[in-house]
Amino acid sequence: MKPLVTIAYCPKCHWLLRAAYMAQELLTTFEEELYGVTLQPSETAGHYSIRIGDDVIFDRKVHGGFPEIKELKQLVRDKVSPEKNLGHSDKK
């Protein structure tokens, strides 16, 4: 079964657009590998995290900010399709 990515964001911080942008980028890049991307408003102020299934791959408070889209694609790729070439977004 293909994995589901969940982006939990703080609606009070107005991070919906950031979450939607990241969802769009992931769905475009991993259209064959992902089941989907869910946007989940968090009840905790300041919360922003990204999970694949039950595994948290990014947490704003742990990592100190937000991921660059290149970094996020690499994190997702490493979990769902390690052999996938990300082109210009790939690690050097």
PDB file of N, CA and C in Angstrom:
ATOM      1  N   MET A   1       0.837  -1.188   0.000  1.00  0.00           N
ATOM      2  CA  MET A   1       0.000   0.000   0.000  1.00  0.00           C
ATOM      3  C   MET A   1       0.883   1.253   0.000  1.00  0.00           C
ATOM      4  N   LYS A   2       0.491   2.225  -0.763  1.00  0.00           N
ATOM      5  CA  LYS A   2       1.250   3.472  -0.848  1.00  0.00           C
ATOM      6  C   LYS A   2       1.100   4.270   0.453  1.00  0.00           C
ATOM      7  N   PRO A   3       2.157   4.974   0.854  1.00  0.00           N
ATOM      8  CA  PRO A   3       2.105   5.732   2.107  1.00  0.00           C
ATOM      9  C   PRO A   3       1.316   7.035   1.977  1.00  0.00           C
ATOM     10  N   LEU A   4       0.766   7.450   3.112  1.00  0.00           N
ATOM     11  CA  LEU A   4       0.043   8.715   3.229  1.00  0.00           C
ATOM     12  C   LEU A   4       0.905   9.695   4.007  1.00  0.00           C
ATOM     13  N   VAL A   5       1.086  10.884   3.461  1.00  0.00           N
ATOM     14  CA  VAL A   5       1.815  11.951   4.148  1.00  0.00           C
ATOM     15  C   VAL A   5       0.785  12.845   4.833  1.00  0.00           C
ATOM     16  N   THR A   6       1.063  13.209   6.076  1.00  0.00           N
ATOM     17  CA  THR A   6       0.196  14.124   6.813  1.00  0.00           C
ATOM     18  C   THR A   6       1.010  15.343   7.224  1.00  0.00           C
ATOM     19  N   ILE A   7       0.502  16.506   6.848  1.00  0.00           N
ATOM     20  CA  ILE A   7       1.133  17.760   7.260  1.00  0.00           C
ATOM     21  C   ILE A   7       0.203  18.410   8.286  1.00  0.00           C
ATOM     22  N   ALA A   8       0.672  18.458   9.535  1.00  0.00           N
ATOM     23  CA  ALA A   8      -0.084  19.093  10.612  1.00  0.00           C
ATOM     24  C   ALA A   8       0.455  20.516  10.774  1.00  0.00           C
ATOM     25  N   TYR A   9      -0.448  21.491  10.764  1.00  0.00           N
ATOM     26  CA  TYR A   9      -0.044  22.895  10.795  1.00  0.00           C
ATOM     27  C   TYR A   9      -0.899  23.676  11.777  1.00  0.00           C
ATOM     28  N   CYS A  10      -0.376  24.787  12.247  1.00  0.00           N
ATOM     29  CA  CYS A  10      -1.105  25.652  13.173  1.00  0.00           C
ATOM     30  C   CYS A  10      -1.966  26.651  12.383  1.00  0.00           C
ATOM     31  N   PRO A  11      -3.290  26.537  12.469  1.00  0.00           N
ATOM     32  CA  PRO A  11      -4.133  27.492  11.749  1.00  0.00           C
ATOM     33  C   PRO A  11      -4.069  28.905  12.343  1.00  0.00           C
ATOM     34  N   LYS A  12      -3.807  28.993  13.653  1.00  0.00           N
ATOM     35  CA  LYS A  12      -3.709  30.314  14.293  1.00  0.00           C
ATOM     36  C   LYS A  12      -2.490  31.082  13.800  1.00  0.00           C
ATOM     37  N   CYS A  13      -1.457  30.335  13.364  1.00  0.00           N
ATOM     38  CA  CYS A  13      -0.235  30.952  12.841  1.00  0.00           C
ATOM     39  C   CYS A  13      -0.350  31.231  11.346  1.00  0.00           C
ATOM     40  N   HIS A  14      -1.471  30.850  10.751  1.00  0.00           N
ATOM     41  CA  HIS A  14      -1.734  31.059   9.312  1.00  0.00           C
ATOM     42  C   HIS A  14      -0.736  30.296   8.435  1.00  0.00           C
ATOM     43  N   TRP A  15      -0.489  29.038   8.789  1.00  0.00           N
ATOM     44  CA  TRP A  15       0.467  28.217   8.045  1.00  0.00           C
ATOM     45  C   TRP A  15      -0.205  27.291   7.043  1.00  0.00           C
ATOM     46  N   LEU A  16      -1.504  27.486   6.776  1.00  0.00           N
ATOM     47  CA  LEU A  16      -2.209  26.652   5.805  1.00  0.00           C
ATOM     48  C   LEU A  16      -1.596  26.774   4.414  1.00  0.00           C
ATOM     49  N   LEU A  17      -1.291  27.981   3.968  1.00  0.00           N
ATOM     50  CA  LEU A  17      -0.726  28.152   2.623  1.00  0.00           C
ATOM     51  C   LEU A  17       0.625  27.467   2.483  1.00  0.00           C
ATOM     52  N   ARG A  18       1.447  27.536   3.528  1.00  0.00           N
ATOM     53  CA  ARG A  18       2.743  26.848   3.515  1.00  0.00           C
ATOM     54  C   ARG A  18       2.514  25.339   3.412  1.00  0.00           C
ATOM     55  N   ALA A  19       1.580  24.812   4.201  1.00  0.00           N
ATOM     56  CA  ALA A  19       1.279  23.382   4.181  1.00  0.00           C
ATOM     57  C   ALA A  19       0.726  22.959   2.818  1.00  0.00           C
ATOM     58  N   ALA A  20      -0.144  23.771   2.241  1.00  0.00           N
ATOM     59  CA  ALA A  20      -0.724  23.455   0.933  1.00  0.00           C
ATOM     60  C   ALA A  20       0.342  23.472  -0.159  1.00  0.00           C
ATOM     61  N   TYR A  21       1.260  24.426  -0.090  1.00  0.00           N
ATOM     62  CA  TYR A  21       2.355  24.487  -1.058  1.00  0.00           C
ATOM     63  C   TYR A  21       3.215  23.226  -0.967  1.00  0.00           C
ATOM     64  N   MET A  22       3.552  22.823   0.248  1.00  0.00           N
ATOM     65  CA  MET A  22       4.375  21.626   0.427  1.00  0.00           C
ATOM     66  C   MET A  22       3.626  20.385  -0.055  1.00  0.00           C
ATOM     67  N   ALA A  23       2.324  20.322   0.204  1.00  0.00           N
ATOM     68  CA  ALA A  23       1.517  19.197  -0.274  1.00  0.00           C
ATOM     69  C   ALA A  23       1.525  19.142  -1.796  1.00  0.00           C
ATOM     70  N   GLN A  24       1.363  20.278  -2.437  1.00  0.00           N
ATOM     71  CA  GLN A  24       1.370  20.350  -3.900  1.00  0.00           C
ATOM     72  C   GLN A  24       2.702  19.863  -4.462  1.00  0.00           C
ATOM     73  N   GLU A  25       3.791  20.299  -3.874  1.00  0.00           N
ATOM     74  CA  GLU A  25       5.118  19.892  -4.339  1.00  0.00           C
ATOM     75  C   GLU A  25       5.322  18.387  -4.173  1.00  0.00           C
ATOM     76  N   LEU A  26       4.886  17.843  -3.043  1.00  0.00           N
ATOM     77  CA  LEU A  26       5.049  16.403  -2.812  1.00  0.00           C
ATOM     78  C   LEU A  26       4.183  15.588  -3.762  1.00  0.00           C
ATOM     79  N   LEU A  27       2.951  16.031  -3.985  1.00  0.00           N
ATOM     80  CA  LEU A  27       2.063  15.299  -4.889  1.00  0.00           C
ATOM     81  C   LEU A  27       2.557  15.359  -6.332  1.00  0.00           C
ATOM     82  N   THR A  28       3.177  16.454  -6.705  1.00  0.00           N
ATOM     83  CA  THR A  28       3.722  16.580  -8.056  1.00  0.00           C
ATOM     84  C   THR A  28       4.948  15.696  -8.230  1.00  0.00           C
ATOM     85  N   THR A  29       5.828  15.709  -7.253  1.00  0.00           N
ATOM     86  CA  THR A  29       7.077  14.953  -7.336  1.00  0.00           C
ATOM     87  C   THR A  29       6.868  13.455  -7.155  1.00  0.00           C
ATOM     88  N   PHE A  30       5.944  13.076  -6.268  1.00  0.00           N
ATOM     89  CA  PHE A  30       5.746  11.668  -5.924  1.00  0.00           C
ATOM     90  C   PHE A  30       4.355  11.180  -6.330  1.00  0.00           C
ATOM     91  N   GLU A  31       3.924  11.549  -7.521  1.00  0.00           N
ATOM     92  CA  GLU A  31       2.565  11.215  -7.949  1.00  0.00           C
ATOM     93  C   GLU A  31       2.315   9.708  -8.046  1.00  0.00           C
ATOM     94  N   GLU A  32       3.341   8.926  -8.323  1.00  0.00           N
ATOM     95  CA  GLU A  32       3.191   7.470  -8.416  1.00  0.00           C
ATOM     96  C   GLU A  32       3.461   6.768  -7.082  1.00  0.00           C
ATOM     97  N   GLU A  33       4.188   7.417  -6.188  1.00  0.00           N
ATOM     98  CA  GLU A  33       4.650   6.758  -4.963  1.00  0.00           C
ATOM     99  C   GLU A  33       3.763   6.997  -3.743  1.00  0.00           C
ATOM    100  N   LEU A  34       2.969   8.064  -3.732  1.00  0.00           N
ATOM    101  CA  LEU A  34       2.171   8.405  -2.550  1.00  0.00           C
ATOM    102  C   LEU A  34       0.690   8.102  -2.749  1.00  0.00           C
ATOM    103  N   TYR A  35       0.052   7.689  -1.675  1.00  0.00           N
ATOM    104  CA  TYR A  35      -1.402   7.522  -1.662  1.00  0.00           C
ATOM    105  C   TYR A  35      -2.071   8.895  -1.665  1.00  0.00           C
ATOM    106  N   GLY A  36      -1.449   9.828  -0.945  1.00  0.00           N
ATOM    107  CA  GLY A  36      -1.974  11.179  -0.873  1.00  0.00           C
ATOM    108  C   GLY A  36      -1.266  11.982   0.189  1.00  0.00           C
ATOM    109  N   VAL A  37      -1.671  13.251   0.293  1.00  0.00           N
ATOM    110  CA  VAL A  37      -1.161  14.142   1.336  1.00  0.00           C
ATOM    111  C   VAL A  37      -2.376  14.756   2.026  1.00  0.00           C
ATOM    112  N   THR A  38      -2.398  14.630   3.338  1.00  0.00           N
ATOM    113  CA  THR A  38      -3.489  15.169   4.138  1.00  0.00           C
ATOM    114  C   THR A  38      -3.008  16.409   4.878  1.00  0.00           C
ATOM    115  N   LEU A  39      -3.835  17.456   4.875  1.00  0.00           N
ATOM    116  CA  LEU A  39      -3.556  18.655   5.663  1.00  0.00           C
ATOM    117  C   LEU A  39      -4.405  18.582   6.924  1.00  0.00           C
ATOM    118  N   GLN A  40      -3.741  18.706   8.070  1.00  0.00           N
ATOM    119  CA  GLN A  40      -4.425  18.523   9.349  1.00  0.00           C
ATOM    120  C   GLN A  40      -4.202  19.742  10.240  1.00  0.00           C
ATOM    121  N   PRO A  41      -5.248  20.532  10.497  1.00  0.00           N
ATOM    122  CA  PRO A  41      -5.098  21.652  11.426  1.00  0.00           C
ATOM    123  C   PRO A  41      -4.770  21.123  12.825  1.00  0.00           C
ATOM    124  N   SER A  42      -3.751  21.708  13.439  1.00  0.00           N
ATOM    125  CA  SER A  42      -3.327  21.275  14.761  1.00  0.00           C
ATOM    126  C   SER A  42      -4.050  22.082  15.834  1.00  0.00           C
ATOM    127  N   GLU A  43      -4.302  21.435  16.940  1.00  0.00           N
ATOM    128  CA  GLU A  43      -4.908  22.136  18.075  1.00  0.00           C
ATOM    129  C   GLU A  43      -3.844  22.776  18.950  1.00  0.00           C
ATOM    130  N   THR A  44      -2.571  22.462  18.679  1.00  0.00           N
ATOM    131  CA  THR A  44      -1.459  23.001  19.449  1.00  0.00           C
ATOM    132  C   THR A  44      -0.874  24.207  18.718  1.00  0.00           C
ATOM    133  N   ALA A  45      -0.842  25.341  19.388  1.00  0.00           N
ATOM    134  CA  ALA A  45      -0.311  26.561  18.772  1.00  0.00           C
ATOM    135  C   ALA A  45       1.160  26.380  18.399  1.00  0.00           C
ATOM    136  N   GLY A  46       1.518  26.841  17.218  1.00  0.00           N
ATOM    137  CA  GLY A  46       2.899  26.799  16.773  1.00  0.00           C
ATOM    138  C   GLY A  46       3.355  25.452  16.244  1.00  0.00           C
ATOM    139  N   HIS A  47       2.432  24.507  16.134  1.00  0.00           N
ATOM    140  CA  HIS A  47       2.805  23.155  15.697  1.00  0.00           C
ATOM    141  C   HIS A  47       2.867  23.067  14.178  1.00  0.00           C
ATOM    142  N   TYR A  48       3.931  22.433  13.678  1.00  0.00           N
ATOM    143  CA  TYR A  48       4.058  22.141  12.251  1.00  0.00           C
ATOM    144  C   TYR A  48       4.915  20.892  12.127  1.00  0.00           C
ATOM    145  N   SER A  49       4.304  19.815  11.675  1.00  0.00           N
ATOM    146  CA  SER A  49       5.060  18.570  11.519  1.00  0.00           C
ATOM    147  C   SER A  49       4.598  17.840  10.268  1.00  0.00           C
ATOM    148  N   ILE A  50       5.470  16.957   9.796  1.00  0.00           N
ATOM    149  CA  ILE A  50       5.175  16.170   8.603  1.00  0.00           C
ATOM    150  C   ILE A  50       5.449  14.715   8.945  1.00  0.00           C
ATOM    151  N   ARG A  51       4.432  13.881   8.693  1.00  0.00           N
ATOM    152  CA  ARG A  51       4.537  12.453   8.983  1.00  0.00           C
ATOM    153  C   ARG A  51       4.312  11.643   7.710  1.00  0.00           C
ATOM    154  N   ILE A  52       4.966  10.505   7.671  1.00  0.00           N
ATOM    155  CA  ILE A  52       4.644   9.484   6.680  1.00  0.00           C
ATOM    156  C   ILE A  52       4.152   8.304   7.491  1.00  0.00           C
ATOM    157  N   GLY A  53       2.863   8.027   7.387  1.00  0.00           N
ATOM    158  CA  GLY A  53       2.256   7.037   8.273  1.00  0.00           C
ATOM    159  C   GLY A  53       2.380   7.537   9.697  1.00  0.00           C
ATOM    160  N   ASP A  54       2.975   6.733  10.562  1.00  0.00           N
ATOM    161  CA  ASP A  54       3.159   7.124  11.964  1.00  0.00           C
ATOM    162  C   ASP A  54       4.535   7.721  12.239  1.00  0.00           C
ATOM    163  N   ASP A  55       5.402   7.749  11.233  1.00  0.00           N
ATOM    164  CA  ASP A  55       6.771   8.242  11.406  1.00  0.00           C
ATOM    165  C   ASP A  55       6.856   9.749  11.161  1.00  0.00           C
ATOM    166  N   VAL A  56       7.281  10.487  12.163  1.00  0.00           N
ATOM    167  CA  VAL A  56       7.487  11.929  12.004  1.00  0.00           C
ATOM    168  C   VAL A  56       8.823  12.127  11.292  1.00  0.00           C
ATOM    169  N   ILE A  57       8.770  12.738  10.107  1.00  0.00           N
ATOM    170  CA  ILE A  57      10.013  12.983   9.372  1.00  0.00           C
ATOM    171  C   ILE A  57      10.497  14.417   9.542  1.00  0.00           C
ATOM    172  N   PHE A  58       9.593  15.299  10.013  1.00  0.00           N
ATOM    173  CA  PHE A  58       9.995  16.678  10.248  1.00  0.00           C
ATOM    174  C   PHE A  58       9.094  17.289  11.309  1.00  0.00           C
ATOM    175  N   ASP A  59       9.706  17.998  12.259  1.00  0.00           N
ATOM    176  CA  ASP A  59       8.964  18.731  13.284  1.00  0.00           C
ATOM    177  C   ASP A  59       9.633  20.092  13.444  1.00  0.00           C
ATOM    178  N   ARG A  60       8.854  21.136  13.280  1.00  0.00           N
ATOM    179  CA  ARG A  60       9.388  22.500  13.302  1.00  0.00           C
ATOM    180  C   ARG A  60      10.137  22.806  14.594  1.00  0.00           C
ATOM    181  N   LYS A  61       9.617  22.374  15.714  1.00  0.00           N
ATOM    182  CA  LYS A  61      10.260  22.691  16.993  1.00  0.00           C
ATOM    183  C   LYS A  61      11.547  21.900  17.195  1.00  0.00           C
ATOM    184  N   VAL A  62      11.589  20.684  16.695  1.00  0.00           N
ATOM    185  CA  VAL A  62      12.796  19.858  16.822  1.00  0.00           C
ATOM    186  C   VAL A  62      13.888  20.346  15.873  1.00  0.00           C
ATOM    187  N   HIS A  63      13.492  20.652  14.634  1.00  0.00           N
ATOM    188  CA  HIS A  63      14.457  21.023  13.598  1.00  0.00           C
ATOM    189  C   HIS A  63      14.764  22.518  13.545  1.00  0.00           C
ATOM    190  N   GLY A  64      14.011  23.312  14.290  1.00  0.00           N
ATOM    191  CA  GLY A  64      14.289  24.744  14.352  1.00  0.00           C
ATOM    192  C   GLY A  64      13.900  25.517  13.107  1.00  0.00           C
ATOM    193  N   GLY A  65      12.657  25.445  12.724  1.00  0.00           N
ATOM    194  CA  GLY A  65      12.182  26.172  11.549  1.00  0.00           C
ATOM    195  C   GLY A  65      11.457  25.251  10.597  1.00  0.00           C
ATOM    196  N   PHE A  66      11.345  25.698   9.374  1.00  0.00           N
ATOM    197  CA  PHE A  66      10.645  24.939   8.344  1.00  0.00           C
ATOM    198  C   PHE A  66      11.638  24.346   7.354  1.00  0.00           C
ATOM    199  N   PRO A  67      11.273  23.218   6.736  1.00  0.00           N
ATOM    200  CA  PRO A  67      12.191  22.634   5.758  1.00  0.00           C
ATOM    201  C   PRO A  67      12.136  23.404   4.437  1.00  0.00           C
ATOM    202  N   GLU A  68      13.264  23.479   3.773  1.00  0.00           N
ATOM    203  CA  GLU A  68      13.251  23.935   2.387  1.00  0.00           C
ATOM    204  C   GLU A  68      12.589  22.822   1.585  1.00  0.00           C
ATOM    205  N   ILE A  69      11.951  23.159   0.481  1.00  0.00           N
ATOM    206  CA  ILE A  69      11.235  22.142  -0.289  1.00  0.00           C
ATOM    207  C   ILE A  69      12.198  21.063  -0.789  1.00  0.00           C
ATOM    208  N   LYS A  70      13.409  21.447  -1.130  1.00  0.00           N
ATOM    209  CA  LYS A  70      14.420  20.485  -1.569  1.00  0.00           C
ATOM    210  C   LYS A  70      14.697  19.462  -0.462  1.00  0.00           C
ATOM    211  N   GLU A  71      14.875  19.940   0.762  1.00  0.00           N
ATOM    212  CA  GLU A  71      15.127  19.065   1.909  1.00  0.00           C
ATOM    213  C   GLU A  71      13.937  18.144   2.168  1.00  0.00           C
ATOM    214  N   LEU A  72      12.728  18.699   2.084  1.00  0.00           N
ATOM    215  CA  LEU A  72      11.525  17.904   2.325  1.00  0.00           C
ATOM    216  C   LEU A  72      11.397  16.785   1.295  1.00  0.00           C
ATOM    217  N   LYS A  73      11.637  17.099   0.044  1.00  0.00           N
ATOM    218  CA  LYS A  73      11.559  16.076  -1.004  1.00  0.00           C
ATOM    219  C   LYS A  73      12.583  14.969  -0.758  1.00  0.00           C
ATOM    220  N   GLN A  74      13.756  15.338  -0.301  1.00  0.00           N
ATOM    221  CA  GLN A  74      14.779  14.335  -0.007  1.00  0.00           C
ATOM    222  C   GLN A  74      14.353  13.443   1.157  1.00  0.00           C
ATOM    223  N   LEU A  75      13.759  14.040   2.196  1.00  0.00           N
ATOM    224  CA  LEU A  75      13.288  13.261   3.343  1.00  0.00           C
ATOM    225  C   LEU A  75      12.205  12.268   2.927  1.00  0.00           C
ATOM    226  N   VAL A  76      11.260  12.731   2.109  1.00  0.00           N
ATOM    227  CA  VAL A  76      10.181  11.865   1.657  1.00  0.00           C
ATOM    228  C   VAL A  76      10.730  10.779   0.735  1.00  0.00           C
ATOM    229  N   ARG A  77      11.575  11.172  -0.197  1.00  0.00           N
ATOM    230  CA  ARG A  77      12.172  10.207  -1.118  1.00  0.00           C
ATOM    231  C   ARG A  77      12.897   9.098  -0.360  1.00  0.00           C
ATOM    232  N   ASP A  78      13.687   9.478   0.647  1.00  0.00           N
ATOM    233  CA  ASP A  78      14.463   8.501   1.406  1.00  0.00           C
ATOM    234  C   ASP A  78      13.567   7.472   2.096  1.00  0.00           C
ATOM    235  N   LYS A  79      12.329   7.858   2.418  1.00  0.00           N
ATOM    236  CA  LYS A  79      11.384   6.955   3.088  1.00  0.00           C
ATOM    237  C   LYS A  79      10.561   6.125   2.104  1.00  0.00           C
ATOM    238  N   VAL A  80      10.090   6.747   1.026  1.00  0.00           N
ATOM    239  CA  VAL A  80       9.119   6.070   0.169  1.00  0.00           C
ATOM    240  C   VAL A  80       9.696   5.490  -1.117  1.00  0.00           C
ATOM    241  N   SER A  81      10.803   6.045  -1.606  1.00  0.00           N
ATOM    242  CA  SER A  81      11.353   5.590  -2.884  1.00  0.00           C
ATOM    243  C   SER A  81      12.833   5.954  -2.974  1.00  0.00           C
ATOM    244  N   PRO A  82      13.688   5.275  -2.178  1.00  0.00           N
ATOM    245  CA  PRO A  82      15.108   5.649  -2.088  1.00  0.00           C
ATOM    246  C   PRO A  82      15.843   5.677  -3.426  1.00  0.00           C
ATOM    247  N   GLU A  83      15.373   4.923  -4.397  1.00  0.00           N
ATOM    248  CA  GLU A  83      16.050   4.885  -5.692  1.00  0.00           C
ATOM    249  C   GLU A  83      15.639   6.029  -6.621  1.00  0.00           C
ATOM    250  N   LYS A  84      14.621   6.790  -6.253  1.00  0.00           N
ATOM    251  CA  LYS A  84      14.104   7.856  -7.122  1.00  0.00           C
ATOM    252  C   LYS A  84      15.117   8.991  -7.255  1.00  0.00           C
ATOM    253  N   ASN A  85      15.329   9.413  -8.484  1.00  0.00           N
ATOM    254  CA  ASN A  85      16.200  10.557  -8.777  1.00  0.00           C
ATOM    255  C   ASN A  85      15.347  11.826  -8.727  1.00  0.00           C
ATOM    256  N   LEU A  86      15.768  12.783  -7.928  1.00  0.00           N
ATOM    257  CA  LEU A  86      15.021  14.036  -7.797  1.00  0.00           C
ATOM    258  C   LEU A  86      15.548  15.131  -8.719  1.00  0.00           C
ATOM    259  N   GLY A  87      16.437  14.782  -9.605  1.00  0.00           N
ATOM    260  CA  GLY A  87      16.964  15.768 -10.546  1.00  0.00           C
ATOM    261  C   GLY A  87      17.724  16.864  -9.801  1.00  0.00           C
ATOM    262  N   HIS A  88      17.377  18.121 -10.097  1.00  0.00           N
ATOM    263  CA  HIS A  88      18.085  19.256  -9.486  1.00  0.00           C
ATOM    264  C   HIS A  88      17.855  19.373  -7.985  1.00  0.00           C
ATOM    265  N   SER A  89      16.839  18.697  -7.460  1.00  0.00           N
ATOM    266  CA  SER A  89      16.573  18.731  -6.013  1.00  0.00           C
ATOM    267  C   SER A  89      17.343  17.667  -5.254  1.00  0.00           C
ATOM    268  N   ASP A  90      18.119  16.872  -5.971  1.00  0.00           N
ATOM    269  CA  ASP A  90      18.842  15.788  -5.323  1.00  0.00           C
ATOM    270  C   ASP A  90      20.064  16.283  -4.582  1.00  0.00           C
ATOM    271  N   LYS A  91      20.479  15.480  -3.594  1.00  0.00           N
ATOM    272  CA  LYS A  91      21.682  15.795  -2.825  1.00  0.00           C
ATOM    273  C   LYS A  91      22.906  15.775  -3.745  1.00  0.00           C
ATOM    274  N   LYS A  92      23.849  16.585  -3.443  1.00  0.00           N
ATOM    275  CA  LYS A  92      25.110  16.591  -4.199  1.00  0.00           C
ATOM    276  C   LYS A  92      26.122  15.747  -3.460  1.00  0.00           C
TER     277      LYS A  92
END
